[in-house]
PDB file of N, CA and C in Angstrom:
ATOM      1  N   GLY A   1      50.924 105.960 109.273  1.00  0.00           N
ATOM      2  CA  GLY A   1      51.551 104.734 108.543  1.00  0.00           C
ATOM      3  C   GLY A   1      52.921 104.249 108.467  1.00  0.00           C
ATOM      4  N   LEU A   2      54.010 104.940 109.078  1.00  0.00           N
ATOM      5  CA  LEU A   2      55.175 104.801 108.808  1.00  0.00           C
ATOM      6  C   LEU A   2      55.812 104.154 110.169  1.00  0.00           C
ATOM      7  N   LEU A   3      56.683 103.099 110.131  1.00  0.00           N
ATOM      8  CA  LEU A   3      57.151 102.644 111.079  1.00  0.00           C
ATOM      9  C   LEU A   3      58.272 103.510 112.011  1.00  0.00           C
ATOM     10  N   THR A   4      57.726 103.479 113.411  1.00  0.00           N
ATOM     11  CA  THR A   4      58.445 104.351 114.365  1.00  0.00           C
ATOM     12  C   THR A   4      59.132 103.545 115.396  1.00  0.00           C
ATOM     13  N   ILE A   5      60.697 104.020 115.375  1.00  0.00           N
ATOM     14  CA  ILE A   5      61.495 103.180 116.519  1.00  0.00           C
ATOM     15  C   ILE A   5      61.105 104.064 117.716  1.00  0.00           C
ATOM     16  N   ILE A   6      60.796 103.063 118.614  1.00  0.00           N
ATOM     17  CA  ILE A   6      60.338 103.273 119.948  1.00  0.00           C
ATOM     18  C   ILE A   6      61.812 103.522 120.953  1.00  0.00           C
ATOM     19  N   THR A   7      62.451 102.687 121.004  1.00  0.00           N
ATOM     20  CA  THR A   7      63.970 102.811 121.650  1.00  0.00           C
ATOM     21  C   THR A   7      64.792 101.617 120.970  1.00  0.00           C
ATOM     22  N   PRO A   8      65.852 102.158 120.281  1.00  0.00           N
ATOM     23  CA  PRO A   8      66.895 100.901 119.981  1.00  0.00           C
ATOM     24  C   PRO A   8      67.423 100.401 121.092  1.00  0.00           C
ATOM     25  N   ILE A   9      67.662  98.923 120.943  1.00  0.00           N
ATOM     26  CA  ILE A   9      68.415  98.295 122.089  1.00  0.00           C
ATOM     27  C   ILE A   9      69.938  98.726 121.977  1.00  0.00           C
ATOM     28  N   GLU A  10      70.544  99.004 123.285  1.00  0.00           N
ATOM     29  CA  GLU A  10      71.714  99.138 123.252  1.00  0.00           C
ATOM     30  C   GLU A  10      72.606  98.171 122.687  1.00  0.00           C
ATOM     31  N   ASP A  11      73.832  98.479 122.136  1.00  0.00           N
ATOM     32  CA  ASP A  11      74.852  97.745 121.458  1.00  0.00           C
ATOM     33  C   ASP A  11      74.404  96.649 120.335  1.00  0.00           C
ATOM     34  N   THR A  12      73.187  96.925 119.785  1.00  0.00           N
ATOM     35  CA  THR A  12      72.636  96.078 118.570  1.00  0.00           C
ATOM     36  C   THR A  12      73.296  96.881 117.323  1.00  0.00           C
ATOM     37  N   PRO A  13      73.193  96.049 116.342  1.00  0.00           N
ATOM     38  CA  PRO A  13      73.740  96.583 114.814  1.00  0.00           C
ATOM     39  C   PRO A  13      72.954  98.136 114.739  1.00  0.00           C
ATOM     40  N   ALA A  14      71.650  98.159 114.843  1.00  0.00           N
ATOM     41  CA  ALA A  14      70.916  99.318 114.621  1.00  0.00           C
ATOM     42  C   ALA A  14      71.295 100.527 115.351  1.00  0.00           C
ATOM     43  N   TRP A  15      71.574 100.216 116.602  1.00  0.00           N
ATOM     44  CA  TRP A  15      71.919 101.196 117.732  1.00  0.00           C
ATOM     45  C   TRP A  15      73.523 101.853 117.293  1.00  0.00           C
ATOM     46  N   LYS A  16      74.180 100.855 116.797  1.00  0.00           N
ATOM     47  CA  LYS A  16      75.752 101.092 116.607  1.00  0.00           C
ATOM     48  C   LYS A  16      75.534 101.733 115.121  1.00  0.00           C
ATOM     49  N   ALA A  17      74.686 101.631 114.205  1.00  0.00           N
ATOM     50  CA  ALA A  17      74.376 102.289 112.874  1.00  0.00           C
ATOM     51  C   ALA A  17      74.065 103.675 113.069  1.00  0.00           C
ATOM     52  N   GLY A  18      73.307 103.955 114.288  1.00  0.00           N
ATOM     53  CA  GLY A  18      72.889 105.424 114.634  1.00  0.00           C
ATOM     54  C   GLY A  18      71.520 105.290 114.401  1.00  0.00           C
ATOM     55  N   VAL A  19      70.680 104.334 114.684  1.00  0.00           N
ATOM     56  CA  VAL A  19      69.337 104.149 114.633  1.00  0.00           C
ATOM     57  C   VAL A  19      68.992 105.251 116.144  1.00  0.00           C
ATOM     58  N   MET A  20      67.764 105.894 116.087  1.00  0.00           N
ATOM     59  CA  MET A  20      67.707 106.477 117.414  1.00  0.00           C
ATOM     60  C   MET A  20      66.067 106.561 117.720  1.00  0.00           C
ATOM     61  N   ALA A  21      65.710 106.742 118.848  1.00  0.00           N
ATOM     62  CA  ALA A  21      64.433 106.662 119.247  1.00  0.00           C
ATOM     63  C   ALA A  21      63.534 107.752 118.822  1.00  0.00           C
ATOM     64  N   GLY A  22      62.471 107.709 117.966  1.00  0.00           N
ATOM     65  CA  GLY A  22      61.535 108.326 117.144  1.00  0.00           C
ATOM     66  C   GLY A  22      62.050 108.236 115.941  1.00  0.00           C
ATOM     67  N   ASP A  23      62.868 107.723 115.373  1.00  0.00           N
ATOM     68  CA  ASP A  23      63.386 107.742 113.926  1.00  0.00           C
ATOM     69  C   ASP A  23      62.071 107.114 113.153  1.00  0.00           C
ATOM     70  N   LYS A  24      61.758 107.434 112.025  1.00  0.00           N
ATOM     71  CA  LYS A  24      60.834 106.783 110.910  1.00  0.00           C
ATOM     72  C   LYS A  24      61.401 105.896 110.069  1.00  0.00           C
ATOM     73  N   ILE A  25      61.090 104.941 110.106  1.00  0.00           N
ATOM     74  CA  ILE A  25      61.743 103.903 108.746  1.00  0.00           C
ATOM     75  C   ILE A  25      60.962 104.035 107.301  1.00  0.00           C
ATOM     76  N   LEU A  26      61.387 104.554 106.498  1.00  0.00           N
ATOM     77  CA  LEU A  26      60.987 104.821 105.318  1.00  0.00           C
ATOM     78  C   LEU A  26      61.073 103.749 104.293  1.00  0.00           C
ATOM     79  N   LYS A  27      62.259 103.319 104.322  1.00  0.00           N
ATOM     80  CA  LYS A  27      62.606 101.997 103.304  1.00  0.00           C
ATOM     81  C   LYS A  27      63.401 101.071 103.776  1.00  0.00           C
ATOM     82  N   ILE A  28      63.291  99.865 103.563  1.00  0.00           N
ATOM     83  CA  ILE A  28      64.021  98.740 104.052  1.00  0.00           C
ATOM     84  C   ILE A  28      64.592  98.060 102.635  1.00  0.00           C
ATOM     85  N   ASN A  29      65.793  98.102 102.344  1.00  0.00           N
ATOM     86  CA  ASN A  29      66.497  97.635 100.988  1.00  0.00           C
ATOM     87  C   ASN A  29      65.871  98.110  99.760  1.00  0.00           C
ATOM     88  N   GLY A  30      65.372  99.544  99.820  1.00  0.00           N
ATOM     89  CA  GLY A  30      64.831 100.098  99.000  1.00  0.00           C
ATOM     90  C   GLY A  30      63.331 100.118  98.652  1.00  0.00           C
ATOM     91  N   GLY A  31      62.820  99.333  99.499  1.00  0.00           N
ATOM     92  CA  GLY A  31      61.654  99.064  99.153  1.00  0.00           C
ATOM     93  C   GLY A  31      60.530 100.094 100.492  1.00  0.00           C
ATOM     94  N   SER A  32      59.717 100.495  99.994  1.00  0.00           N
ATOM     95  CA  SER A  32      58.746 101.482 100.999  1.00  0.00           C
ATOM     96  C   SER A  32      58.133 100.804 101.940  1.00  0.00           C
ATOM     97  N   THR A  33      58.192 101.446 103.671  1.00  0.00           N
ATOM     98  CA  THR A  33      57.541 100.689 104.438  1.00  0.00           C
ATOM     99  C   THR A  33      56.303 101.339 104.748  1.00  0.00           C
ATOM    100  N   GLU A  34      55.609 101.998 103.916  1.00  0.00           N
ATOM    101  CA  GLU A  34      54.529 102.759 103.986  1.00  0.00           C
ATOM    102  C   GLU A  34      53.369 101.787 104.081  1.00  0.00           C
ATOM    103  N   GLY A  35      52.632 101.656 105.291  1.00  0.00           N
ATOM    104  CA  GLY A  35      51.598 100.687 105.262  1.00  0.00           C
ATOM    105  C   GLY A  35      51.859  99.289 105.846  1.00  0.00           C
ATOM    106  N   MET A  36      53.370  99.067 106.192  1.00  0.00           N
ATOM    107  CA  MET A  36      54.059  97.757 106.466  1.00  0.00           C
ATOM    108  C   MET A  36      53.624  97.698 107.875  1.00  0.00           C
ATOM    109  N   ASN A  37      53.271  96.173 108.176  1.00  0.00           N
ATOM    110  CA  ASN A  37      53.116  95.898 109.559  1.00  0.00           C
ATOM    111  C   ASN A  37      54.541  95.671 110.212  1.00  0.00           C
ATOM    112  N   LEU A  38      54.792  95.420 111.599  1.00  0.00           N
ATOM    113  CA  LEU A  38      55.834  95.175 112.248  1.00  0.00           C
ATOM    114  C   LEU A  38      56.499  94.011 111.945  1.00  0.00           C
ATOM    115  N   GLN A  39      55.399  92.702 111.577  1.00  0.00           N
ATOM    116  CA  GLN A  39      55.886  91.759 111.494  1.00  0.00           C
ATOM    117  C   GLN A  39      56.681  91.450 110.256  1.00  0.00           C
ATOM    118  N   ASP A  40      56.077  91.987 109.062  1.00  0.00           N
ATOM    119  CA  ASP A  40      56.771  92.199 107.709  1.00  0.00           C
ATOM    120  C   ASP A  40      57.997  92.861 107.917  1.00  0.00           C
ATOM    121  N   ALA A  41      57.832  93.960 108.663  1.00  0.00           N
ATOM    122  CA  ALA A  41      59.343  94.601 108.703  1.00  0.00           C
ATOM    123  C   ALA A  41      60.543  93.895 109.248  1.00  0.00           C
ATOM    124  N   VAL A  42      60.321  93.066 110.467  1.00  0.00           N
ATOM    125  CA  VAL A  42      61.057  92.330 110.975  1.00  0.00           C
ATOM    126  C   VAL A  42      61.652  91.222 110.198  1.00  0.00           C
ATOM    127  N   GLN A  43      60.688  90.683 109.284  1.00  0.00           N
ATOM    128  CA  GLN A  43      61.132  89.477 108.172  1.00  0.00           C
ATOM    129  C   GLN A  43      62.280  90.209 107.592  1.00  0.00           C
ATOM    130  N   LYS A  44      61.970  91.527 106.849  1.00  0.00           N
ATOM    131  CA  LYS A  44      62.758  92.013 105.934  1.00  0.00           C
ATOM    132  C   LYS A  44      64.325  92.451 106.627  1.00  0.00           C
ATOM    133  N   LEU A  45      64.027  92.819 107.935  1.00  0.00           N
ATOM    134  CA  LEU A  45      65.235  93.028 108.611  1.00  0.00           C
ATOM    135  C   LEU A  45      66.196  91.964 109.088  1.00  0.00           C
ATOM    136  N   ARG A  46      65.387  90.857 109.470  1.00  0.00           N
ATOM    137  CA  ARG A  46      66.450  89.745 109.882  1.00  0.00           C
ATOM    138  C   ARG A  46      67.040  89.015 108.473  1.00  0.00           C
ATOM    139  N   GLY A  47      68.136  88.164 108.905  1.00  0.00           N
ATOM    140  CA  GLY A  47      68.856  87.605 107.798  1.00  0.00           C
ATOM    141  C   GLY A  47      70.118  87.023 108.563  1.00  0.00           C
ATOM    142  N   PRO A  48      70.850  86.470 107.790  1.00  0.00           N
ATOM    143  CA  PRO A  48      72.004  85.862 108.150  1.00  0.00           C
ATOM    144  C   PRO A  48      72.866  86.893 108.731  1.00  0.00           C
ATOM    145  N   LYS A  49      73.586  86.466 109.675  1.00  0.00           N
ATOM    146  CA  LYS A  49      74.699  86.915 110.524  1.00  0.00           C
ATOM    147  C   LYS A  49      75.898  87.599 109.552  1.00  0.00           C
ATOM    148  N   GLY A  50      76.125  89.010 109.783  1.00  0.00           N
ATOM    149  CA  GLY A  50      77.259  89.583 108.766  1.00  0.00           C
ATOM    150  C   GLY A  50      76.510  90.324 107.596  1.00  0.00           C
ATOM    151  N   THR A  51      75.389  89.903 107.130  1.00  0.00           N
ATOM    152  CA  THR A  51      74.927  90.125 106.019  1.00  0.00           C
ATOM    153  C   THR A  51      74.306  91.893 105.958  1.00  0.00           C
ATOM    154  N   PRO A  52      74.311  92.627 104.879  1.00  0.00           N
ATOM    155  CA  PRO A  52      73.908  93.963 105.252  1.00  0.00           C
ATOM    156  C   PRO A  52      72.466  94.230 104.867  1.00  0.00           C
ATOM    157  N   VAL A  53      71.755  95.315 105.509  1.00  0.00           N
ATOM    158  CA  VAL A  53      70.388  95.560 105.138  1.00  0.00           C
ATOM    159  C   VAL A  53      70.764  97.073 105.283  1.00  0.00           C
ATOM    160  N   THR A  54      69.894  97.694 104.230  1.00  0.00           N
ATOM    161  CA  THR A  54      69.960  99.400 104.468  1.00  0.00           C
ATOM    162  C   THR A  54      68.537  99.667 104.493  1.00  0.00           C
ATOM    163  N   ILE A  55      68.720 100.497 105.406  1.00  0.00           N
ATOM    164  CA  ILE A  55      67.390 101.205 105.705  1.00  0.00           C
ATOM    165  C   ILE A  55      67.626 102.934 105.247  1.00  0.00           C
ATOM    166  N   SER A  56      66.362 103.489 105.233  1.00  0.00           N
ATOM    167  CA  SER A  56      66.374 104.800 104.862  1.00  0.00           C
ATOM    168  C   SER A  56      65.467 105.189 106.405  1.00  0.00           C
ATOM    169  N   VAL A  57      65.950 106.084 107.069  1.00  0.00           N
ATOM    170  CA  VAL A  57      65.298 106.708 108.346  1.00  0.00           C
ATOM    171  C   VAL A  57      65.297 108.056 108.250  1.00  0.00           C
ATOM    172  N   PHE A  58      64.305 108.516 108.898  1.00  0.00           N
ATOM    173  CA  PHE A  58      63.952 110.183 108.951  1.00  0.00           C
ATOM    174  C   PHE A  58      64.252 110.274 110.395  1.00  0.00           C
ATOM    175  N   HIS A  59      65.364 111.181 110.750  1.00  0.00           N
ATOM    176  CA  HIS A  59      65.345 111.382 112.376  1.00  0.00           C
ATOM    177  C   HIS A  59      64.833 112.644 112.739  1.00  0.00           C
ATOM    178  N   ILE A  60      64.036 112.859 114.016  1.00  0.00           N
ATOM    179  CA  ILE A  60      63.359 114.090 114.332  1.00  0.00           C
ATOM    180  C   ILE A  60      64.439 115.111 114.349  1.00  0.00           C
ATOM    181  N   GLY A  61      63.807 116.123 113.572  1.00  0.00           N
ATOM    182  CA  GLY A  61      64.426 117.288 113.507  1.00  0.00           C
ATOM    183  C   GLY A  61      65.142 117.394 112.201  1.00  0.00           C
ATOM    184  N   ALA A  62      65.380 116.361 111.432  1.00  0.00           N
ATOM    185  CA  ALA A  62      66.333 116.111 110.275  1.00  0.00           C
ATOM    186  C   ALA A  62      65.529 117.210 109.122  1.00  0.00           C
ATOM    187  N   LYS A  63      66.274 117.468 108.211  1.00  0.00           N
ATOM    188  CA  LYS A  63      65.690 117.762 106.888  1.00  0.00           C
ATOM    189  C   LYS A  63      65.580 116.884 105.744  1.00  0.00           C
ATOM    190  N   GLU A  64      66.284 115.799 105.761  1.00  0.00           N
ATOM    191  CA  GLU A  64      66.564 114.796 104.889  1.00  0.00           C
ATOM    192  C   GLU A  64      66.730 113.732 105.807  1.00  0.00           C
ATOM    193  N   PRO A  65      66.017 112.398 105.013  1.00  0.00           N
ATOM    194  CA  PRO A  65      66.292 111.063 105.229  1.00  0.00           C
ATOM    195  C   PRO A  65      67.794 110.745 105.406  1.00  0.00           C
ATOM    196  N   GLU A  66      68.222 109.896 106.053  1.00  0.00           N
ATOM    197  CA  GLU A  66      69.308 109.025 106.011  1.00  0.00           C
ATOM    198  C   GLU A  66      69.392 107.775 105.699  1.00  0.00           C
ATOM    199  N   GLU A  67      70.214 107.297 104.776  1.00  0.00           N
ATOM    200  CA  GLU A  67      70.603 105.669 104.516  1.00  0.00           C
ATOM    201  C   GLU A  67      71.387 105.106 105.423  1.00  0.00           C
ATOM    202  N   LEU A  68      71.030 104.108 106.222  1.00  0.00           N
ATOM    203  CA  LEU A  68      72.279 103.317 107.073  1.00  0.00           C
ATOM    204  C   LEU A  68      72.276 102.132 106.679  1.00  0.00           C
ATOM    205  N   THR A  69      73.489 101.437 106.499  1.00  0.00           N
ATOM    206  CA  THR A  69      73.559 100.122 106.121  1.00  0.00           C
ATOM    207  C   THR A  69      73.939  99.588 107.598  1.00  0.00           C
ATOM    208  N   ILE A  70      73.106  98.404 107.798  1.00  0.00           N
ATOM    209  CA  ILE A  70      73.307  97.818 109.214  1.00  0.00           C
ATOM    210  C   ILE A  70      73.739  96.226 108.734  1.00  0.00           C
ATOM    211  N   TYR A  71      74.736  95.793 109.611  1.00  0.00           N
ATOM    212  CA  TYR A  71      75.288  94.300 109.405  1.00  0.00           C
ATOM    213  C   TYR A  71      74.648  93.662 110.535  1.00  0.00           C
ATOM    214  N   ARG A  72      73.864  92.516 110.035  1.00  0.00           N
ATOM    215  CA  ARG A  72      72.865  92.016 110.745  1.00  0.00           C
ATOM    216  C   ARG A  72      73.950  91.028 111.726  1.00  0.00           C
ATOM    217  N   ASP A  73      73.407  90.871 112.928  1.00  0.00           N
ATOM    218  CA  ASP A  73      74.147  89.822 114.108  1.00  0.00           C
ATOM    219  C   ASP A  73      72.961  89.400 114.885  1.00  0.00           C
ATOM    220  N   THR A  74      73.340  88.604 115.860  1.00  0.00           N
ATOM    221  CA  THR A  74      72.858  87.958 116.990  1.00  0.00           C
ATOM    222  C   THR A  74      72.475  89.389 117.657  1.00  0.00           C
ATOM    223  N   ILE A  75      70.923  89.161 118.247  1.00  0.00           N
ATOM    224  CA  ILE A  75      70.435  90.255 119.255  1.00  0.00           C
ATOM    225  C   ILE A  75      69.982  89.617 120.395  1.00  0.00           C
ATOM    226  N   PRO A  76      71.036  89.684 121.387  1.00  0.00           N
ATOM    227  CA  PRO A  76      70.603  88.743 122.651  1.00  0.00           C
ATOM    228  C   PRO A  76      69.436  89.690 123.248  1.00  0.00           C
ATOM    229  N   LEU A  77      68.427  88.837 123.746  1.00  0.00           N
ATOM    230  CA  LEU A  77      67.399  89.456 124.472  1.00  0.00           C
ATOM    231  C   LEU A  77      67.381  89.025 125.961  1.00  0.00           C
ATOM    232  N   HIS A  78      67.226  90.338 126.806  1.00  0.00           N
ATOM    233  CA  HIS A  78      67.384  89.775 128.313  1.00  0.00           C
ATOM    234  C   HIS A  78      65.950  89.940 128.994  1.00  0.00           C
TER     235      HIS A  78
END
């Protein structure tokens, strides 16, 4: 029931912040993602360019989750 990153898009804010394939997103701005669907997560992650969003991720093989602050930007879709 946790959101899992399949592959972060290269050169996006999340990729630059250290989000990796296989990461589990535990929290978005302090709120649990347990049972959250992808559409709701995307709504919480989107926002005005340059504004921060903090996520708590669990990297594969890590012992503790890591908090990452991502600064929103335009994401080009190819």
